[in-house]
Amino acid sequence: MYLKTYPTIDVLSFIVGFDRSRAARWSQVLFPVLEMTLRRKLVLPERKISSVEEFFRRFPEVKEVFGDVSERRIQRPKNQKRQQKTYSGKKKAHTRKNVVLADKDRRILVLTKTTSGRRHDKRLADKEDVFSALPEEVAVYVDTGFQGVQKQHTNTYIPKKRKLKQPLTDDEKEINRIISSFRVVVEHAIGGMKRYQCLQQPYRNRRLKLDDTFALLAAGLWNYHLSFT
């Protein structure tokens, strides 16, 4: 309920009938229990794929993956250095982000560790080795924020960007539309994660790495939901 509605601790304590400190304490106690349960159900996404063999072992039936970045707002930090570190020029706000890989059924396969929103999508993917461990037989669909991934994984489909003095031809526009129509499943997967208000509302907790826990649990709950459809 806390992940789904993301109430303040005062509201949570009123709903469950506990005092404020007890409600906060129990929410922290139960997060590891939920994570362990989702892990036993085999619905938690991988945090990193280290090799081609590991990918085949974990996802033997997957032939296509779709990549994008999930970005969520945080409260503006008071520290100036942290303000610069978390400011996202794309969102024009202070954010934290994860790289998401999904399959054609909108299941989240890989969710990288949560990091500051200033880092570029491609740089974040490079740091986490998101695409270098994917088999060449597996087709990858990404947006223009991952320009350059083709050098790491040749079986990659990415829309072509328009140049300043060279507009796209009709054929190139049609190819871009086709790629986008395939890639939309990862947008649906991220939307499934963000059905949980802990990712939709600005992050306001202060506990270290709790935002990463929120992202992991929301992805696991979304995958668990898909197992019933």
Foldseek 3Di string as FASTA:
>chain_A
DCQQPVDDLVVQCVVVVHPSVVSVVVVVVCLVVLVVVLVVVVQFAAQADDALVSCCVSCVPFQEKAKDKQKFAAPQDPDPVQNQQQQAPVVRGRIKMWMWIAGQLLATHYTHFIGHRHDQPQRVCVVRVHLLRHDLSHAYQYEPSNPPCCVRHVNYQYQDDQDPPRGDDPVSVVSNVVSCVSNCSPVVSSVQLVSGVCRHHHPYDDDPSVNRSSSRSSSSVSSVVSVVD
